[in-house]
Amino acid sequence: MEVVFLVSSRFCSLVPVDDRKLSFCMEEEQKMGKLQADTIRKIVNPIRQVFNSNIHNFAFQEHWITRFLAIGLDYIILVFVTGLVKDLVFTDWSFSMIEYFLMMGAISFLYFVITESILGYTIGKRIFDLKVVTVNGNKPSFKKVFIRNISKIVFVFLILDVIGSYFTAKNLHQRYIDKIAHTTVEKL
């Protein structure tokens, strides 16, 4: 009888085996490999379905592209407004980049909350014919608008909000915080 040492199987590692035990250990090793592959498939398949289901959905793409363009336009405006506030109000204060972005976050938060609660849209949303509504289609309250814009204080949180909503969404037209506030953005 030849002695073989198996090092890759959890069940049969470093034990001398004959042909029968070698066969058993190889079967166990294949089962373990299949279990690992099944576990990976369980994780990857839902992500793959989300990407595949929306990658060719033109209405989905159009909605998010329009929203990105609208918020991009709003942030271009906010960069100039923040610069003006810095130059006109804080003339002698030298801002670091972090302080500038925090001030821009505060200004953008106020801008989004005020315009969306009063008008239902920002300048960017208006240009791209979008409006903020509750999930029932009504005008959102100040509280709901306040909640949905919390992630805009720090731009990184907004990015995480959008990415998180993509992977956890049932309604892919809502950001994650939109779900909490029971709001969405739709065409005018």
C-alpha atoms as a PDB file:
ATOM      1  CA  MET A   1       0.000   0.000   0.000  1.00  0.00           C
ATOM      2  CA  GLU A   2       1.301   3.385  -0.983  1.00  0.00           C
ATOM      3  CA  VAL A   3       1.135   6.202   1.573  1.00  0.00           C
ATOM      4  CA  VAL A   4      -0.174   9.543   0.310  1.00  0.00           C
ATOM      5  CA  PHE A   5      -0.526  12.753   2.296  1.00  0.00           C
ATOM      6  CA  LEU A   6      -3.374  15.107   1.389  1.00  0.00           C
ATOM      7  CA  VAL A   7      -2.870  18.698   2.397  1.00  0.00           C
ATOM      8  CA  SER A   8      -5.733  20.478   0.673  1.00  0.00           C
ATOM      9  CA  SER A   9      -8.780  18.810   2.179  1.00  0.00           C
ATOM     10  CA  ARG A  10     -10.110  19.970   5.524  1.00  0.00           C
ATOM     11  CA  PHE A  11     -11.269  16.470   6.470  1.00  0.00           C
ATOM     12  CA  CYS A  12      -8.302  14.404   5.349  1.00  0.00           C
ATOM     13  CA  SER A  13      -5.318  16.624   5.836  1.00  0.00           C
ATOM     14  CA  LEU A  14      -1.949  15.078   6.555  1.00  0.00           C
ATOM     15  CA  VAL A  15      -3.193  11.536   7.123  1.00  0.00           C
ATOM     16  CA  PRO A  16      -1.821   8.483   5.372  1.00  0.00           C
ATOM     17  CA  VAL A  17      -4.476   6.934   3.150  1.00  0.00           C
ATOM     18  CA  ASP A  18      -5.019   3.924   0.993  1.00  0.00           C
ATOM     19  CA  ASP A  19      -6.905   4.030  -2.339  1.00  0.00           C
ATOM     20  CA  ARG A  20     -10.369   3.904  -0.704  1.00  0.00           C
ATOM     21  CA  LYS A  21      -9.634   6.719   1.690  1.00  0.00           C
ATOM     22  CA  LEU A  22      -7.976   8.684  -1.116  1.00  0.00           C
ATOM     23  CA  SER A  23     -11.183   8.392  -3.144  1.00  0.00           C
ATOM     24  CA  PHE A  24     -13.280   9.476  -0.148  1.00  0.00           C
ATOM     25  CA  CYS A  25     -11.023  12.447   0.549  1.00  0.00           C
ATOM     26  CA  MET A  26     -11.125  13.564  -3.070  1.00  0.00           C
ATOM     27  CA  GLU A  27     -14.946  13.397  -3.037  1.00  0.00           C
ATOM     28  CA  GLU A  28     -15.023  15.459   0.162  1.00  0.00           C
ATOM     29  CA  GLU A  29     -12.655  17.947  -1.423  1.00  0.00           C
ATOM     30  CA  GLN A  30     -14.943  18.265  -4.457  1.00  0.00           C
ATOM     31  CA  LYS A  31     -17.964  18.791  -2.176  1.00  0.00           C
ATOM     32  CA  MET A  32     -16.101  21.529  -0.312  1.00  0.00           C
ATOM     33  CA  GLY A  33     -15.199  23.176  -3.608  1.00  0.00           C
ATOM     34  CA  LYS A  34     -18.829  22.989  -4.724  1.00  0.00           C
ATOM     35  CA  LEU A  35     -20.014  24.506  -1.424  1.00  0.00           C
ATOM     36  CA  GLN A  36     -17.558  27.371  -1.793  1.00  0.00           C
ATOM     37  CA  ALA A  37     -18.600  27.918  -5.404  1.00  0.00           C
ATOM     38  CA  ASP A  38     -22.287  27.854  -4.396  1.00  0.00           C
ATOM     39  CA  THR A  39     -21.637  30.403  -1.657  1.00  0.00           C
ATOM     40  CA  ILE A  40     -19.864  32.706  -4.093  1.00  0.00           C
ATOM     41  CA  ARG A  41     -22.716  32.288  -6.593  1.00  0.00           C
ATOM     42  CA  LYS A  42     -25.259  33.229  -3.897  1.00  0.00           C
ATOM     43  CA  ILE A  43     -23.371  36.469  -3.311  1.00  0.00           C
ATOM     44  CA  VAL A  44     -22.565  37.336  -6.924  1.00  0.00           C
ATOM     45  CA  ASN A  45     -25.821  36.402  -8.689  1.00  0.00           C
ATOM     46  CA  PRO A  46     -28.050  39.072  -7.083  1.00  0.00           C
ATOM     47  CA  ILE A  47     -25.449  41.733  -7.892  1.00  0.00           C
ATOM     48  CA  ARG A  48     -25.176  40.423 -11.444  1.00  0.00           C
ATOM     49  CA  GLN A  49     -28.989  40.481 -11.789  1.00  0.00           C
ATOM     50  CA  VAL A  50     -29.168  44.102 -10.648  1.00  0.00           C
ATOM     51  CA  PHE A  51     -26.545  45.145 -13.187  1.00  0.00           C
ATOM     52  CA  ASN A  52     -27.931  43.026 -16.016  1.00  0.00           C
ATOM     53  CA  SER A  53     -31.539  44.022 -15.403  1.00  0.00           C
ATOM     54  CA  ASN A  54     -30.799  47.741 -15.575  1.00  0.00           C
ATOM     55  CA  ILE A  55     -27.856  47.983 -17.931  1.00  0.00           C
ATOM     56  CA  HIS A  56     -30.104  47.820 -20.995  1.00  0.00           C
ATOM     57  CA  ASN A  57     -33.089  49.606 -19.428  1.00  0.00           C
ATOM     58  CA  PHE A  58     -33.187  52.950 -21.238  1.00  0.00           C
ATOM     59  CA  ALA A  59     -35.755  54.554 -18.912  1.00  0.00           C
ATOM     60  CA  PHE A  60     -33.612  53.661 -15.894  1.00  0.00           C
ATOM     61  CA  GLN A  61     -30.475  55.049 -17.540  1.00  0.00           C
ATOM     62  CA  GLU A  62     -32.237  58.220 -18.679  1.00  0.00           C
ATOM     63  CA  HIS A  63     -33.627  58.870 -15.188  1.00  0.00           C
ATOM     64  CA  TRP A  64     -30.244  58.615 -13.455  1.00  0.00           C
ATOM     65  CA  ILE A  65     -28.328  60.453 -16.173  1.00  0.00           C
ATOM     66  CA  THR A  66     -30.826  63.301 -15.944  1.00  0.00           C
ATOM     67  CA  ARG A  67     -30.521  63.352 -12.145  1.00  0.00           C
ATOM     68  CA  PHE A  68     -26.702  63.397 -12.348  1.00  0.00           C
ATOM     69  CA  LEU A  69     -26.789  66.265 -14.846  1.00  0.00           C
ATOM     70  CA  ALA A  70     -29.227  68.215 -12.657  1.00  0.00           C
ATOM     71  CA  ILE A  71     -27.168  67.797  -9.495  1.00  0.00           C
ATOM     72  CA  GLY A  72     -23.992  68.535 -11.463  1.00  0.00           C
ATOM     73  CA  LEU A  73     -25.477  71.849 -12.586  1.00  0.00           C
ATOM     74  CA  ASP A  74     -26.597  72.589  -9.008  1.00  0.00           C
ATOM     75  CA  TYR A  75     -23.091  71.930  -7.692  1.00  0.00           C
ATOM     76  CA  ILE A  76     -21.500  74.123 -10.372  1.00  0.00           C
ATOM     77  CA  ILE A  77     -23.764  76.938  -9.151  1.00  0.00           C
ATOM     78  CA  LEU A  78     -22.917  76.108  -5.531  1.00  0.00           C
ATOM     79  CA  VAL A  79     -19.154  76.253  -6.157  1.00  0.00           C
ATOM     80  CA  PHE A  80     -19.550  79.840  -7.393  1.00  0.00           C
ATOM     81  CA  VAL A  81     -21.932  80.778  -4.560  1.00  0.00           C
ATOM     82  CA  THR A  82     -19.551  79.311  -1.968  1.00  0.00           C
ATOM     83  CA  GLY A  83     -16.675  81.269  -3.516  1.00  0.00           C
ATOM     84  CA  LEU A  84     -18.741  84.463  -3.373  1.00  0.00           C
ATOM     85  CA  VAL A  85     -19.726  83.859   0.259  1.00  0.00           C
ATOM     86  CA  LYS A  86     -16.098  83.186   1.133  1.00  0.00           C
ATOM     87  CA  ASP A  87     -14.873  86.334  -0.637  1.00  0.00           C
ATOM     88  CA  LEU A  88     -17.661  88.672   0.494  1.00  0.00           C
ATOM     89  CA  VAL A  89     -18.359  87.489   4.043  1.00  0.00           C
ATOM     90  CA  PHE A  90     -15.027  86.051   5.152  1.00  0.00           C
ATOM     91  CA  THR A  91     -12.642  88.423   3.355  1.00  0.00           C
ATOM     92  CA  ASP A  92      -9.719  88.056   5.782  1.00  0.00           C
ATOM     93  CA  TRP A  93     -10.090  84.361   6.526  1.00  0.00           C
ATOM     94  CA  SER A  94      -7.879  81.952   4.592  1.00  0.00           C
ATOM     95  CA  PHE A  95      -9.788  78.686   4.096  1.00  0.00           C
ATOM     96  CA  SER A  96      -8.242  75.265   3.880  1.00  0.00           C
ATOM     97  CA  MET A  97      -9.731  72.914   1.330  1.00  0.00           C
ATOM     98  CA  ILE A  98     -11.577  70.985   4.043  1.00  0.00           C
ATOM     99  CA  GLU A  99     -13.103  74.159   5.489  1.00  0.00           C
ATOM    100  CA  TYR A 100     -14.141  75.247   1.996  1.00  0.00           C
ATOM    101  CA  PHE A 101     -15.899  71.921   1.323  1.00  0.00           C
ATOM    102  CA  LEU A 102     -17.595  71.982   4.740  1.00  0.00           C
ATOM    103  CA  MET A 103     -18.844  75.507   4.052  1.00  0.00           C
ATOM    104  CA  MET A 104     -19.987  74.383   0.592  1.00  0.00           C
ATOM    105  CA  GLY A 105     -21.760  71.420   2.218  1.00  0.00           C
ATOM    106  CA  ALA A 106     -23.622  73.699   4.606  1.00  0.00           C
ATOM    107  CA  ILE A 107     -24.582  76.107   1.809  1.00  0.00           C
ATOM    108  CA  SER A 108     -25.637  73.255  -0.494  1.00  0.00           C
ATOM    109  CA  PHE A 109     -27.700  71.657   2.275  1.00  0.00           C
ATOM    110  CA  LEU A 110     -29.532  74.950   2.856  1.00  0.00           C
ATOM    111  CA  TYR A 111     -29.959  75.472  -0.898  1.00  0.00           C
ATOM    112  CA  PHE A 112     -31.447  72.024  -1.488  1.00  0.00           C
ATOM    113  CA  VAL A 113     -33.696  72.076   1.595  1.00  0.00           C
ATOM    114  CA  ILE A 114     -35.073  75.573   0.947  1.00  0.00           C
ATOM    115  CA  THR A 115     -35.657  75.222  -2.799  1.00  0.00           C
ATOM    116  CA  GLU A 116     -37.061  71.681  -2.662  1.00  0.00           C
ATOM    117  CA  SER A 117     -39.373  72.392   0.276  1.00  0.00           C
ATOM    118  CA  ILE A 118     -40.729  75.635  -1.239  1.00  0.00           C
ATOM    119  CA  LEU A 119     -40.671  74.905  -4.983  1.00  0.00           C
ATOM    120  CA  GLY A 120     -40.265  71.125  -5.147  1.00  0.00           C
ATOM    121  CA  TYR A 121     -37.137  71.447  -7.293  1.00  0.00           C
ATOM    122  CA  THR A 122     -33.733  73.103  -7.541  1.00  0.00           C
ATOM    123  CA  ILE A 123     -32.435  75.115 -10.505  1.00  0.00           C
ATOM    124  CA  GLY A 124     -30.803  71.985 -11.945  1.00  0.00           C
ATOM    125  CA  LYS A 125     -33.922  69.878 -11.459  1.00  0.00           C
ATOM    126  CA  ARG A 126     -36.084  72.582 -13.046  1.00  0.00           C
ATOM    127  CA  ILE A 127     -33.869  72.822 -16.127  1.00  0.00           C
ATOM    128  CA  PHE A 128     -34.049  69.036 -16.556  1.00  0.00           C
ATOM    129  CA  ASP A 129     -37.803  68.886 -15.776  1.00  0.00           C
ATOM    130  CA  LEU A 130     -37.490  66.980 -12.508  1.00  0.00           C
ATOM    131  CA  LYS A 131     -39.253  67.481  -9.191  1.00  0.00           C
ATOM    132  CA  VAL A 132     -39.140  66.024  -5.702  1.00  0.00           C
ATOM    133  CA  VAL A 133     -42.359  64.354  -4.570  1.00  0.00           C
ATOM    134  CA  THR A 134     -43.452  61.935  -1.887  1.00  0.00           C
ATOM    135  CA  VAL A 135     -43.916  58.320  -2.913  1.00  0.00           C
ATOM    136  CA  ASN A 136     -47.652  59.138  -3.121  1.00  0.00           C
ATOM    137  CA  GLY A 137     -46.966  61.924  -5.633  1.00  0.00           C
ATOM    138  CA  ASN A 138     -47.625  64.806  -3.216  1.00  0.00           C
ATOM    139  CA  LYS A 139     -45.438  67.789  -2.394  1.00  0.00           C
ATOM    140  CA  PRO A 140     -42.999  66.730   0.360  1.00  0.00           C
ATOM    141  CA  SER A 141     -43.033  68.381   3.773  1.00  0.00           C
ATOM    142  CA  PHE A 142     -40.081  70.362   5.101  1.00  0.00           C
ATOM    143  CA  LYS A 143     -39.171  67.411   7.359  1.00  0.00           C
ATOM    144  CA  LYS A 144     -39.052  64.944   4.435  1.00  0.00           C
ATOM    145  CA  VAL A 145     -36.951  67.334   2.335  1.00  0.00           C
ATOM    146  CA  PHE A 146     -34.645  67.919   5.310  1.00  0.00           C
ATOM    147  CA  ILE A 147     -34.117  64.148   5.731  1.00  0.00           C
ATOM    148  CA  ARG A 148     -33.554  63.449   2.019  1.00  0.00           C
ATOM    149  CA  ASN A 149     -30.835  66.116   1.801  1.00  0.00           C
ATOM    150  CA  ILE A 150     -28.768  65.168   4.854  1.00  0.00           C
ATOM    151  CA  SER A 151     -26.317  63.233   2.691  1.00  0.00           C
ATOM    152  CA  LYS A 152     -25.545  66.385   0.688  1.00  0.00           C
ATOM    153  CA  ILE A 153     -23.733  68.058   3.595  1.00  0.00           C
ATOM    154  CA  VAL A 154     -20.600  66.053   2.763  1.00  0.00           C
ATOM    155  CA  PHE A 155     -20.346  65.083  -0.914  1.00  0.00           C
ATOM    156  CA  VAL A 156     -18.793  61.677  -0.115  1.00  0.00           C
ATOM    157  CA  PHE A 157     -21.965  60.729   1.790  1.00  0.00           C
ATOM    158  CA  LEU A 158     -24.026  61.586  -1.285  1.00  0.00           C
ATOM    159  CA  ILE A 159     -21.905  59.253  -3.409  1.00  0.00           C
ATOM    160  CA  LEU A 160     -22.257  56.475  -0.815  1.00  0.00           C
ATOM    161  CA  ASP A 161     -26.005  57.158  -0.684  1.00  0.00           C
ATOM    162  CA  VAL A 162     -26.344  56.653  -4.444  1.00  0.00           C
ATOM    163  CA  ILE A 163     -24.138  53.541  -4.494  1.00  0.00           C
ATOM    164  CA  GLY A 164     -25.904  52.055  -1.463  1.00  0.00           C
ATOM    165  CA  SER A 165     -29.292  52.621  -3.021  1.00  0.00           C
ATOM    166  CA  TYR A 166     -28.230  50.812  -6.181  1.00  0.00           C
ATOM    167  CA  PHE A 167     -27.500  47.621  -4.266  1.00  0.00           C
ATOM    168  CA  THR A 168     -30.365  47.766  -1.758  1.00  0.00           C
ATOM    169  CA  ALA A 169     -33.132  49.235  -3.865  1.00  0.00           C
ATOM    170  CA  LYS A 170     -36.465  47.809  -4.779  1.00  0.00           C
ATOM    171  CA  ASN A 171     -37.386  51.050  -6.522  1.00  0.00           C
ATOM    172  CA  LEU A 172     -34.228  52.023  -8.370  1.00  0.00           C
ATOM    173  CA  HIS A 173     -35.439  55.614  -8.849  1.00  0.00           C
ATOM    174  CA  GLN A 174     -34.854  56.347  -5.153  1.00  0.00           C
ATOM    175  CA  ARG A 175     -31.624  57.039  -3.331  1.00  0.00           C
ATOM    176  CA  TYR A 176     -31.219  55.207  -0.036  1.00  0.00           C
ATOM    177  CA  ILE A 177     -32.148  58.296   2.004  1.00  0.00           C
ATOM    178  CA  ASP A 178     -35.115  58.923  -0.308  1.00  0.00           C
ATOM    179  CA  LYS A 179     -36.482  55.613   0.960  1.00  0.00           C
ATOM    180  CA  ILE A 180     -36.118  56.783   4.555  1.00  0.00           C
ATOM    181  CA  ALA A 181     -37.843  60.112   3.758  1.00  0.00           C
ATOM    182  CA  HIS A 182     -40.469  58.421   1.546  1.00  0.00           C
ATOM    183  CA  THR A 183     -39.619  60.717  -1.369  1.00  0.00           C
ATOM    184  CA  THR A 184     -38.537  60.287  -4.961  1.00  0.00           C
ATOM    185  CA  VAL A 185     -37.625  62.376  -7.982  1.00  0.00           C
ATOM    186  CA  GLU A 186     -39.830  62.214 -11.083  1.00  0.00           C
ATOM    187  CA  LYS A 187     -40.404  64.064 -14.336  1.00  0.00           C
ATOM    188  CA  LEU A 188     -42.500  67.268 -14.265  1.00  0.00           C
END
